[in-house]
Amino acid sequence: MSHHIDMEDRTDTEPVLLSKHAKNLLRFLNLLPARMASHDNTRSTIVFFAVCGLDVLNSLHLVPPQMRQDIIDWIYGGLVVPRDNEKKCGGFMGCRAMVPKTEDAEILECMRKYQWGHLAMTYTSLAVLVTLGDDLSRLDRKSIVDGVAAVQKPEGSFSACIDGSEDDMRFVYCAATICYMLDYWGDVNKETMFQFITRSLRYDYGFSQELEGEAHGGTTFCALAALHLSGQLHRLDATTVERMKRWLIFRQMDGFPGTPQ
């Protein structure tokens, strides 16, 4: 999934200390500092950045086999598979706070109504599983994609979860990535998704996070990636593509800022 960086393919003048970055990412898989407590509900995203970061640094071998399996099992612990009579809320949760450690059937049943998949957490969870080499055989692909389709808005964008939340281009990207990794699109409406993306194209040829918003580099990545993953990038005409390239090139400074300001 990731483009590897060869640690030997560096010059002495490069300031990025790749081995130290790898050590820091590995640390986040073993112990989180107290200041991270406020991010408890997005633990799978923290694991995503650590695991996929190590993969990009070509350092995934630093994760011992048993730890890899423990991470995989932990990720699956957040999988939500709704019953037939429940809302289509399949996917992964970001943490296990809504999964009580008890065998009390009454408590377990009571907590089910607070368990639903979240698009960003489902994306990061799947990415971790794939990066660690899991075959995804424990997944019910239809249940997950039904959950994705259930949070698609009439105009083509997606909410983060079934009970409502913000909806914008970030979650369009998450939805497209989920369906692409599972190789299943189910009832996801790719046409309305395309319409939402193209309606978010601004006058300067960058994409905005929401309709009528300001063009942003990160949002433009999400939009173009979603089009590519859904097999619709070719629908952009050549003139539009060239103007997008120009907008992106003009974002370059020391790095790439999100907005033109």
Protein backbone atom coordinates (compact mmCIF):
# COMPACT_ATOMS: atom_id res chain seq x y z
CA MET A 1 0.00 0.00 0.00
CA SER A 2 2.86 2.37 0.72
CA HIS A 3 5.84 3.73 -1.15
CA HIS A 4 8.93 2.60 0.73
CA ILE A 5 11.86 4.83 1.60
CA ASP A 6 15.22 3.07 1.41
CA MET A 7 17.20 4.03 4.50
CA GLU A 8 20.44 3.51 2.59
CA ASP A 9 19.36 5.79 -0.25
CA ARG A 10 20.22 9.01 1.58
CA THR A 11 22.97 11.59 1.59
CA ASP A 12 24.75 12.87 4.69
CA THR A 13 23.20 16.29 4.18
CA GLU A 14 19.63 15.03 4.56
CA PRO A 15 18.26 16.13 7.93
CA VAL A 16 15.53 13.48 8.24
CA LEU A 17 16.68 10.84 10.73
CA LEU A 18 14.70 7.88 9.44
CA SER A 19 15.80 5.38 12.07
CA LYS A 20 14.71 7.75 14.84
CA HIS A 21 11.36 8.28 13.14
CA ALA A 22 10.92 4.50 13.00
CA LYS A 23 11.83 4.18 16.68
CA ASN A 24 9.28 6.84 17.58
CA LEU A 25 6.52 5.16 15.55
CA LEU A 26 7.29 1.81 17.16
CA ARG A 27 7.04 3.45 20.57
CA PHE A 28 3.46 4.47 19.79
CA LEU A 29 2.58 0.81 19.28
CA ASN A 30 3.87 -0.07 22.73
CA LEU A 31 2.97 2.83 24.99
CA LEU A 32 1.02 6.05 24.51
CA PRO A 33 1.84 9.12 26.62
CA ALA A 34 -0.80 10.42 29.03
CA ARG A 35 -1.47 13.45 26.84
CA MET A 36 -2.93 11.11 24.21
CA ALA A 37 -5.83 10.10 26.48
CA SER A 38 -8.14 12.56 24.71
CA HIS A 39 -7.60 10.59 21.49
CA ASP A 40 -8.81 7.30 22.98
CA ASN A 41 -11.81 7.16 20.64
CA THR A 42 -9.52 7.24 17.59
CA ARG A 43 -6.95 4.65 18.63
CA SER A 44 -7.17 2.80 15.32
CA THR A 45 -6.03 5.97 13.55
CA ILE A 46 -3.01 6.22 15.84
CA VAL A 47 -2.18 2.59 15.03
CA PHE A 48 -2.66 3.38 11.33
CA PHE A 49 -0.09 6.18 11.36
CA ALA A 50 2.37 4.04 13.32
CA VAL A 51 2.05 0.86 11.23
CA CYS A 52 1.79 2.53 7.82
CA GLY A 53 4.52 4.99 8.78
CA LEU A 54 6.84 2.09 9.56
CA ASP A 55 5.89 0.52 6.25
CA VAL A 56 6.74 3.73 4.35
CA LEU A 57 10.11 3.81 6.15
CA ASN A 58 10.69 0.19 5.12
CA SER A 59 10.86 -0.67 8.83
CA LEU A 60 7.84 -2.90 9.31
CA HIS A 61 10.25 -5.71 10.20
CA LEU A 62 10.75 -3.95 13.54
CA VAL A 63 7.26 -5.09 14.56
CA PRO A 64 7.64 -8.63 15.99
CA PRO A 65 5.35 -11.36 14.57
CA GLN A 66 3.40 -11.73 17.82
CA MET A 67 2.81 -7.98 18.02
CA ARG A 68 1.57 -7.99 14.43
CA GLN A 69 -0.95 -10.68 15.30
CA ASP A 70 -1.96 -8.86 18.48
CA ILE A 71 -2.61 -5.69 16.47
CA ILE A 72 -4.67 -7.60 13.90
CA ASP A 73 -6.76 -9.24 16.62
CA TRP A 74 -7.22 -5.89 18.37
CA ILE A 75 -8.42 -4.28 15.14
CA TYR A 76 -10.96 -7.06 14.60
CA GLY A 77 -12.19 -6.46 18.14
CA GLY A 78 -13.69 -3.20 16.91
CA LEU A 79 -15.62 -4.72 14.01
CA VAL A 80 -19.36 -4.05 14.09
CA VAL A 81 -21.61 -6.54 12.28
CA PRO A 82 -25.26 -5.45 12.63
CA ARG A 83 -28.07 -7.93 12.98
CA ASP A 84 -30.77 -8.18 10.32
CA ASN A 85 -33.18 -6.03 12.35
CA GLU A 86 -30.64 -3.32 13.13
CA LYS A 87 -29.53 -0.22 11.25
CA LYS A 88 -26.91 -0.71 8.55
CA CYS A 89 -23.99 0.41 10.68
CA GLY A 90 -21.31 -2.13 9.76
CA GLY A 91 -17.67 -1.15 9.89
CA PHE A 92 -15.01 -0.56 12.52
CA MET A 93 -15.06 1.54 15.66
CA GLY A 94 -12.07 3.64 16.61
CA CYS A 95 -11.72 2.11 20.08
CA ARG A 96 -13.20 -0.62 22.26
CA ALA A 97 -14.86 1.62 24.87
CA MET A 98 -18.30 0.51 23.68
CA VAL A 99 -17.40 -3.19 23.99
CA PRO A 100 -17.70 -3.95 27.72
CA LYS A 101 -15.62 -6.76 29.18
CA THR A 102 -18.50 -8.68 30.68
CA GLU A 103 -20.57 -11.76 29.99
CA ASP A 104 -23.73 -10.11 31.31
CA ALA A 105 -26.16 -10.48 28.41
CA GLU A 106 -28.28 -7.52 29.53
CA ILE A 107 -25.31 -5.15 29.58
CA LEU A 108 -24.01 -6.42 26.25
CA GLU A 109 -27.42 -5.96 24.65
CA CYS A 110 -27.76 -2.45 26.09
CA MET A 111 -24.38 -1.42 24.67
CA ARG A 112 -25.13 -2.61 21.14
CA LYS A 113 -27.04 0.57 20.34
CA TYR A 114 -23.84 2.55 20.86
CA GLN A 115 -21.79 0.40 18.51
CA TRP A 116 -21.56 1.48 14.89
CA GLY A 117 -18.90 1.77 12.24
CA HIS A 118 -17.15 5.06 11.53
CA LEU A 119 -15.88 5.74 8.00
CA ALA A 120 -12.47 7.11 8.99
CA MET A 121 -11.93 4.34 11.56
CA THR A 122 -13.02 1.71 9.05
CA TYR A 123 -10.56 3.09 6.50
CA THR A 124 -7.65 3.14 8.95
CA SER A 125 -8.52 -0.28 10.36
CA LEU A 126 -8.61 -1.89 6.92
CA ALA A 127 -5.36 -0.18 5.95
CA VAL A 128 -3.65 -1.59 9.05
CA LEU A 129 -4.96 -5.10 8.35
CA VAL A 130 -3.79 -5.00 4.73
CA THR A 131 -0.40 -3.52 5.63
CA LEU A 132 0.19 -6.26 8.21
CA GLY A 133 -0.65 -8.94 5.65
CA ASP A 134 -4.07 -10.03 6.89
CA ASP A 135 -6.20 -11.77 4.26
CA LEU A 136 -9.43 -10.07 5.44
CA SER A 137 -11.12 -13.48 5.63
CA ARG A 138 -12.83 -12.56 8.90
CA LEU A 139 -14.69 -9.68 7.27
CA ASP A 140 -18.24 -9.55 5.98
CA ARG A 141 -17.58 -7.26 3.02
CA LYS A 142 -21.27 -6.70 2.30
CA SER A 143 -21.99 -5.63 5.88
CA ILE A 144 -19.21 -3.04 5.78
CA VAL A 145 -20.12 -1.62 2.37
CA ASP A 146 -23.80 -1.56 3.34
CA GLY A 147 -22.66 0.65 6.21
CA VAL A 148 -20.81 2.90 3.76
CA ALA A 149 -23.84 3.19 1.48
CA ALA A 150 -26.08 3.96 4.46
CA VAL A 151 -24.16 7.14 5.30
CA GLN A 152 -24.07 8.49 1.73
CA LYS A 153 -25.95 11.78 1.44
CA PRO A 154 -28.36 12.56 -1.43
CA GLU A 155 -25.86 15.01 -2.97
CA GLY A 156 -23.18 12.29 -3.04
CA SER A 157 -21.01 13.06 -0.01
CA PHE A 158 -20.75 10.84 3.08
CA SER A 159 -21.26 11.27 6.81
CA ALA A 160 -18.79 9.68 9.20
CA CYS A 161 -21.36 7.44 10.90
CA ILE A 162 -24.99 6.36 10.78
CA ASP A 163 -26.23 8.64 13.57
CA GLY A 164 -25.11 11.76 11.75
CA SER A 165 -21.96 13.84 11.76
CA GLU A 166 -20.06 16.24 9.55
CA ASP A 167 -19.99 15.19 5.90
CA ASP A 168 -17.40 16.35 3.41
CA MET A 169 -14.65 15.34 0.97
CA ARG A 170 -12.58 13.59 3.65
CA PHE A 171 -15.27 10.98 4.09
CA VAL A 172 -15.77 10.66 0.34
CA TYR A 173 -12.11 9.62 0.21
CA CYS A 174 -12.60 7.20 3.13
CA ALA A 175 -15.65 5.65 1.47
CA ALA A 176 -13.86 5.18 -1.87
CA THR A 177 -10.81 3.68 -0.18
CA ILE A 178 -12.91 1.23 1.85
CA CYS A 179 -14.77 0.00 -1.23
CA TYR A 180 -11.55 -0.22 -3.23
CA MET A 181 -9.72 -2.26 -0.58
CA LEU A 182 -12.69 -4.61 -0.25
CA ASP A 183 -13.13 -4.74 -4.05
CA TYR A 184 -16.87 -4.27 -3.55
CA TRP A 185 -19.03 -1.18 -4.07
CA GLY A 186 -22.47 -2.61 -3.33
CA ASP A 187 -25.13 0.10 -3.19
CA VAL A 188 -22.67 3.00 -3.04
CA ASN A 189 -23.78 5.48 -5.70
CA LYS A 190 -20.62 6.32 -7.61
CA GLU A 191 -22.44 8.69 -9.96
CA THR A 192 -23.71 11.02 -7.22
CA MET A 193 -20.28 10.77 -5.59
CA PHE A 194 -18.74 11.96 -8.86
CA GLN A 195 -21.23 14.81 -9.06
CA PHE A 196 -20.41 15.94 -5.50
CA ILE A 197 -16.69 15.87 -6.24
CA THR A 198 -16.94 17.82 -9.49
CA ARG A 199 -19.32 20.37 -7.93
CA SER A 200 -16.62 20.97 -5.31
CA LEU A 201 -14.14 22.08 -7.99
CA ARG A 202 -13.48 25.77 -7.40
CA TYR A 203 -12.79 28.61 -9.85
CA ASP A 204 -9.01 28.22 -9.35
CA TYR A 205 -9.14 24.47 -10.10
CA GLY A 206 -8.54 23.09 -6.65
CA PHE A 207 -11.20 21.15 -4.73
CA SER A 208 -12.99 22.37 -1.61
CA GLN A 209 -13.87 20.28 1.42
CA GLU A 210 -17.53 21.22 1.15
CA LEU A 211 -19.68 22.69 -1.60
CA GLU A 212 -18.97 26.41 -2.05
CA GLY A 213 -15.86 26.18 0.14
CA GLU A 214 -12.24 27.19 -0.51
CA ALA A 215 -9.85 25.06 -2.55
CA HIS A 216 -7.39 23.13 -0.39
CA GLY A 217 -4.46 20.85 -1.21
CA GLY A 218 -5.47 18.07 1.17
CA THR A 219 -9.04 18.16 -0.08
CA THR A 220 -7.81 18.07 -3.67
CA PHE A 221 -5.87 14.90 -2.84
CA CYS A 222 -9.02 13.36 -1.34
CA ALA A 223 -11.10 14.30 -4.39
CA LEU A 224 -8.65 13.05 -7.02
CA ALA A 225 -7.87 9.88 -5.06
CA ALA A 226 -11.58 9.09 -4.73
CA LEU A 227 -12.06 9.58 -8.47
CA HIS A 228 -9.12 7.31 -9.23
CA LEU A 229 -10.16 4.58 -6.79
CA SER A 230 -13.71 4.60 -8.15
CA GLY A 231 -12.46 4.38 -11.74
CA GLN A 232 -13.77 7.83 -12.69
CA LEU A 233 -10.66 9.99 -13.00
CA HIS A 234 -10.81 9.70 -16.79
CA ARG A 235 -14.10 11.61 -16.76
CA LEU A 236 -12.25 14.87 -16.10
CA ASP A 237 -11.52 16.65 -19.37
CA ALA A 238 -7.95 17.42 -20.43
CA THR A 239 -8.28 21.19 -19.93
CA THR A 240 -9.49 20.74 -16.35
CA VAL A 241 -6.65 18.33 -15.58
CA GLU A 242 -4.01 20.73 -16.90
CA ARG A 243 -5.45 23.61 -14.87
CA MET A 244 -5.46 21.39 -11.77
CA LYS A 245 -1.79 20.61 -12.35
CA ARG A 246 -1.04 24.32 -12.59
CA TRP A 247 -2.89 25.02 -9.33
CA LEU A 248 -1.00 22.23 -7.56
CA ILE A 249 2.40 23.30 -8.91
CA PHE A 250 1.78 26.85 -7.71
CA ARG A 251 1.20 25.53 -4.18
CA GLN A 252 4.85 24.53 -3.88
CA MET A 253 6.93 26.59 -1.48
CA ASP A 254 9.35 24.89 0.92
CA GLY A 255 6.63 22.27 1.03
CA PHE A 256 3.00 22.34 -0.07
CA PRO A 257 0.58 24.54 1.92
CA GLY A 258 -3.09 23.67 1.88
CA THR A 259 -4.45 26.99 0.64
CA PRO A 260 -3.19 29.76 -1.68
CA GLN A 261 -2.77 32.30 1.14
